[in-house]
Every structure is written in structure tokens, then in C-alpha cells.
N, C-alpha and C. Protein backbone atom coordinates (compact mmCIF):
# COMPACT_ATOMS: atom_id res chain seq x y z
N MET A 1 -113.14 -143.71 135.96
CA MET A 1 -114.08 -142.67 135.61
C MET A 1 -113.58 -141.32 136.08
N GLY A 2 -113.16 -141.17 137.31
CA GLY A 2 -112.73 -139.87 137.79
C GLY A 2 -111.23 -139.79 137.95
N GLY A 3 -110.68 -138.62 137.69
CA GLY A 3 -109.25 -138.41 137.84
C GLY A 3 -108.91 -138.01 139.26
N ASN A 4 -107.65 -137.71 139.50
CA ASN A 4 -107.19 -137.25 140.80
C ASN A 4 -107.62 -135.80 141.01
N ASN A 5 -107.92 -135.46 142.26
CA ASN A 5 -108.28 -134.09 142.63
C ASN A 5 -109.47 -133.55 141.85
N THR A 6 -110.45 -134.40 141.57
CA THR A 6 -111.66 -133.99 140.86
C THR A 6 -112.64 -133.41 141.88
N HIS A 7 -113.25 -132.27 141.57
CA HIS A 7 -114.18 -131.61 142.48
C HIS A 7 -115.59 -131.74 141.92
N ARG A 8 -116.48 -132.29 142.72
CA ARG A 8 -117.85 -132.47 142.27
C ARG A 8 -118.80 -131.79 143.26
N ALA A 9 -119.70 -130.99 142.74
CA ALA A 9 -120.72 -130.37 143.58
C ALA A 9 -121.86 -131.35 143.78
N ASP A 10 -122.71 -131.06 144.75
CA ASP A 10 -123.91 -131.87 144.93
C ASP A 10 -124.80 -131.75 143.71
N TRP A 11 -125.59 -132.75 143.47
CA TRP A 11 -126.61 -132.75 142.43
C TRP A 11 -126.06 -132.62 141.01
N PHE A 12 -125.09 -133.42 140.67
CA PHE A 12 -124.67 -133.52 139.27
C PHE A 12 -124.96 -134.95 138.84
N SER A 13 -125.01 -135.19 137.54
CA SER A 13 -125.36 -136.51 137.03
C SER A 13 -124.38 -136.95 135.96
N LEU A 14 -123.98 -138.21 136.04
CA LEU A 14 -123.18 -138.84 135.00
C LEU A 14 -124.02 -139.95 134.42
N TYR A 15 -124.15 -140.00 133.12
CA TYR A 15 -124.99 -141.00 132.48
C TYR A 15 -124.13 -141.99 131.73
N PRO A 16 -124.49 -143.26 131.57
CA PRO A 16 -125.70 -143.89 132.12
C PRO A 16 -125.50 -144.20 133.59
N PHE A 17 -126.55 -144.06 134.36
CA PHE A 17 -126.45 -144.28 135.80
C PHE A 17 -127.26 -145.49 136.27
N MET A 18 -128.02 -146.12 135.40
CA MET A 18 -128.86 -147.24 135.79
C MET A 18 -128.15 -148.56 135.56
N GLU A 19 -128.34 -149.51 136.50
CA GLU A 19 -127.77 -150.84 136.30
C GLU A 19 -128.49 -151.57 135.17
N THR A 20 -129.78 -151.42 135.11
CA THR A 20 -130.57 -152.05 134.04
C THR A 20 -131.03 -150.95 133.10
N ILE A 21 -130.71 -151.08 131.84
CA ILE A 21 -131.08 -150.05 130.87
C ILE A 21 -132.01 -150.63 129.82
N GLN A 22 -132.73 -149.77 129.16
CA GLN A 22 -133.68 -150.21 128.14
C GLN A 22 -132.94 -150.78 126.94
N ALA A 23 -133.59 -151.70 126.24
CA ALA A 23 -132.99 -152.34 125.07
C ALA A 23 -132.69 -151.34 123.97
N SER A 24 -133.40 -150.22 123.94
CA SER A 24 -133.19 -149.24 122.87
C SER A 24 -131.98 -148.34 123.11
N TYR A 25 -131.39 -148.43 124.29
CA TYR A 25 -130.24 -147.59 124.62
C TYR A 25 -129.02 -148.03 123.81
N VAL A 26 -128.34 -147.08 123.19
CA VAL A 26 -127.13 -147.37 122.42
C VAL A 26 -125.94 -146.85 123.22
N PRO A 27 -125.06 -147.75 123.70
CA PRO A 27 -123.91 -147.29 124.48
C PRO A 27 -122.99 -146.37 123.67
N LYS A 28 -122.45 -145.36 124.32
CA LYS A 28 -121.58 -144.41 123.63
C LYS A 28 -120.20 -144.36 124.27
N GLY A 29 -119.86 -145.33 125.07
CA GLY A 29 -118.53 -145.36 125.68
C GLY A 29 -118.54 -144.82 127.09
N ASP A 30 -117.35 -144.86 127.69
CA ASP A 30 -117.19 -144.42 129.07
C ASP A 30 -117.19 -142.90 129.17
N THR A 31 -117.67 -142.41 130.30
CA THR A 31 -117.57 -141.00 130.63
C THR A 31 -116.29 -140.84 131.45
N ARG A 32 -115.43 -139.91 131.08
CA ARG A 32 -114.14 -139.75 131.73
C ARG A 32 -113.99 -138.34 132.29
N LEU A 33 -113.48 -138.27 133.52
CA LEU A 33 -113.21 -136.99 134.17
C LEU A 33 -111.71 -136.86 134.37
N GLY A 34 -111.13 -135.79 133.82
CA GLY A 34 -109.69 -135.56 133.95
C GLY A 34 -109.32 -135.08 135.34
N ASP A 35 -108.03 -135.16 135.64
CA ASP A 35 -107.52 -134.71 136.93
C ASP A 35 -107.85 -133.24 137.16
N GLY A 36 -108.28 -132.92 138.37
CA GLY A 36 -108.50 -131.54 138.76
C GLY A 36 -109.66 -130.83 138.10
N CYS A 37 -110.58 -131.56 137.48
CA CYS A 37 -111.73 -130.87 136.86
C CYS A 37 -112.78 -130.54 137.92
N TRP A 38 -113.61 -129.56 137.63
CA TRP A 38 -114.67 -129.11 138.53
C TRP A 38 -116.00 -129.28 137.81
N LEU A 39 -116.97 -129.87 138.51
CA LEU A 39 -118.33 -130.01 137.97
C LEU A 39 -119.27 -129.22 138.86
N GLY A 40 -119.98 -128.26 138.26
CA GLY A 40 -120.91 -127.44 139.02
C GLY A 40 -122.19 -128.18 139.38
N MET A 41 -122.93 -127.60 140.29
CA MET A 41 -124.18 -128.19 140.77
C MET A 41 -125.14 -128.47 139.61
N ARG A 42 -125.70 -129.64 139.61
CA ARG A 42 -126.68 -130.11 138.62
C ARG A 42 -126.15 -130.16 137.19
N ALA A 43 -124.84 -130.25 137.03
CA ALA A 43 -124.27 -130.45 135.69
C ALA A 43 -124.57 -131.88 135.26
N MET A 44 -124.93 -132.06 134.00
CA MET A 44 -125.19 -133.40 133.45
C MET A 44 -124.14 -133.70 132.39
N ILE A 45 -123.40 -134.78 132.61
CA ILE A 45 -122.37 -135.21 131.68
C ILE A 45 -122.91 -136.43 130.95
N MET A 46 -123.13 -136.32 129.67
CA MET A 46 -123.77 -137.38 128.90
C MET A 46 -122.78 -138.50 128.58
N PRO A 47 -123.30 -139.67 128.13
CA PRO A 47 -122.46 -140.83 127.90
C PRO A 47 -121.37 -140.57 126.86
N GLY A 48 -120.20 -141.13 127.12
CA GLY A 48 -119.11 -141.07 126.17
C GLY A 48 -118.33 -139.78 126.15
N VAL A 49 -118.66 -138.85 127.04
CA VAL A 49 -118.00 -137.54 127.06
C VAL A 49 -116.74 -137.61 127.92
N THR A 50 -115.70 -136.92 127.48
CA THR A 50 -114.46 -136.78 128.25
C THR A 50 -114.33 -135.33 128.68
N ILE A 51 -114.17 -135.13 129.99
CA ILE A 51 -113.93 -133.81 130.55
C ILE A 51 -112.42 -133.73 130.82
N GLY A 52 -111.75 -132.80 130.18
CA GLY A 52 -110.29 -132.71 130.24
C GLY A 52 -109.76 -132.25 131.58
N GLU A 53 -108.45 -132.44 131.75
CA GLU A 53 -107.75 -132.06 132.97
C GLU A 53 -107.93 -130.57 133.24
N GLY A 54 -108.38 -130.25 134.46
CA GLY A 54 -108.54 -128.86 134.87
C GLY A 54 -109.75 -128.14 134.30
N ALA A 55 -110.61 -128.85 133.58
CA ALA A 55 -111.80 -128.21 132.99
C ALA A 55 -112.77 -127.78 134.09
N ILE A 56 -113.51 -126.73 133.83
CA ILE A 56 -114.53 -126.24 134.75
C ILE A 56 -115.86 -126.28 134.01
N ILE A 57 -116.81 -127.05 134.54
CA ILE A 57 -118.13 -127.20 133.94
C ILE A 57 -119.12 -126.43 134.82
N ALA A 58 -119.81 -125.47 134.24
CA ALA A 58 -120.71 -124.59 134.99
C ALA A 58 -121.92 -125.34 135.54
N ALA A 59 -122.48 -124.80 136.61
CA ALA A 59 -123.69 -125.35 137.20
C ALA A 59 -124.80 -125.39 136.15
N GLY A 60 -125.56 -126.48 136.13
CA GLY A 60 -126.69 -126.61 135.23
C GLY A 60 -126.33 -126.95 133.79
N SER A 61 -125.05 -127.14 133.51
CA SER A 61 -124.63 -127.46 132.13
C SER A 61 -125.09 -128.85 131.73
N VAL A 62 -125.37 -129.02 130.45
CA VAL A 62 -125.61 -130.33 129.85
C VAL A 62 -124.48 -130.51 128.84
N VAL A 63 -123.54 -131.39 129.16
CA VAL A 63 -122.35 -131.57 128.33
C VAL A 63 -122.56 -132.76 127.41
N THR A 64 -122.64 -132.49 126.11
CA THR A 64 -122.90 -133.53 125.12
C THR A 64 -121.68 -133.87 124.28
N ARG A 65 -120.62 -133.05 124.41
CA ARG A 65 -119.37 -133.28 123.65
C ARG A 65 -118.19 -133.14 124.60
N ASP A 66 -117.04 -133.65 124.18
CA ASP A 66 -115.84 -133.55 124.99
C ASP A 66 -115.54 -132.09 125.32
N ALA A 67 -115.07 -131.86 126.54
CA ALA A 67 -114.69 -130.53 126.99
C ALA A 67 -113.20 -130.53 127.30
N SER A 68 -112.45 -129.67 126.62
CA SER A 68 -111.01 -129.64 126.84
C SER A 68 -110.72 -129.02 128.20
N GLY A 69 -109.54 -129.29 128.69
CA GLY A 69 -109.14 -128.78 129.99
C GLY A 69 -108.23 -127.58 129.87
N ARG A 70 -107.22 -127.56 130.71
CA ARG A 70 -106.27 -126.44 130.75
C ARG A 70 -105.60 -126.21 129.42
N ARG A 71 -105.29 -124.98 129.17
CA ARG A 71 -104.53 -124.60 127.98
C ARG A 71 -103.14 -124.17 128.43
N GLY A 72 -102.14 -124.64 127.75
CA GLY A 72 -100.76 -124.23 128.08
C GLY A 72 -100.50 -122.80 127.62
N GLY A 73 -99.47 -122.20 128.22
CA GLY A 73 -99.10 -120.88 127.75
C GLY A 73 -99.24 -119.87 128.75
């Protein structure tokens, strides 16, 4: 789930977080954190989302799609 050198602030959420889930829940795959990414306080990363290497997710963000990381150049 998490890459190397990943920085996480207090009060962020990765979903799904429950061991027992409702029958109506449709799995969307693993949530992946790239190496060296930063997650701000109370950021919510939804199911199946990939956070790229070196990406910075702002505090309070709700991430519903993949977020790319560092750009070369």
C-alpha cells in the first residue's frame, strides 16, 4: 500500500478501512501510495486510487482519481 519515504499527516483516511463491509460495497481495487508522496491532514484517498511518486496531496482533499507524481524536466 505505501511506498518508501511516504509522509503522512495525522487524521488522513484511506478507504476501505473496515474489516467487515456492507454487501452493497463494490470493490474498486487497491489504494497505492508512491514513494516519497505527502498526504496532508484529513486527506481522504478513495478506493482504487493511485498516488504517484512524489505527489503532494493537500490537507482536506478528497482524492477520487489517480494523482500523478513528479514531473521530469
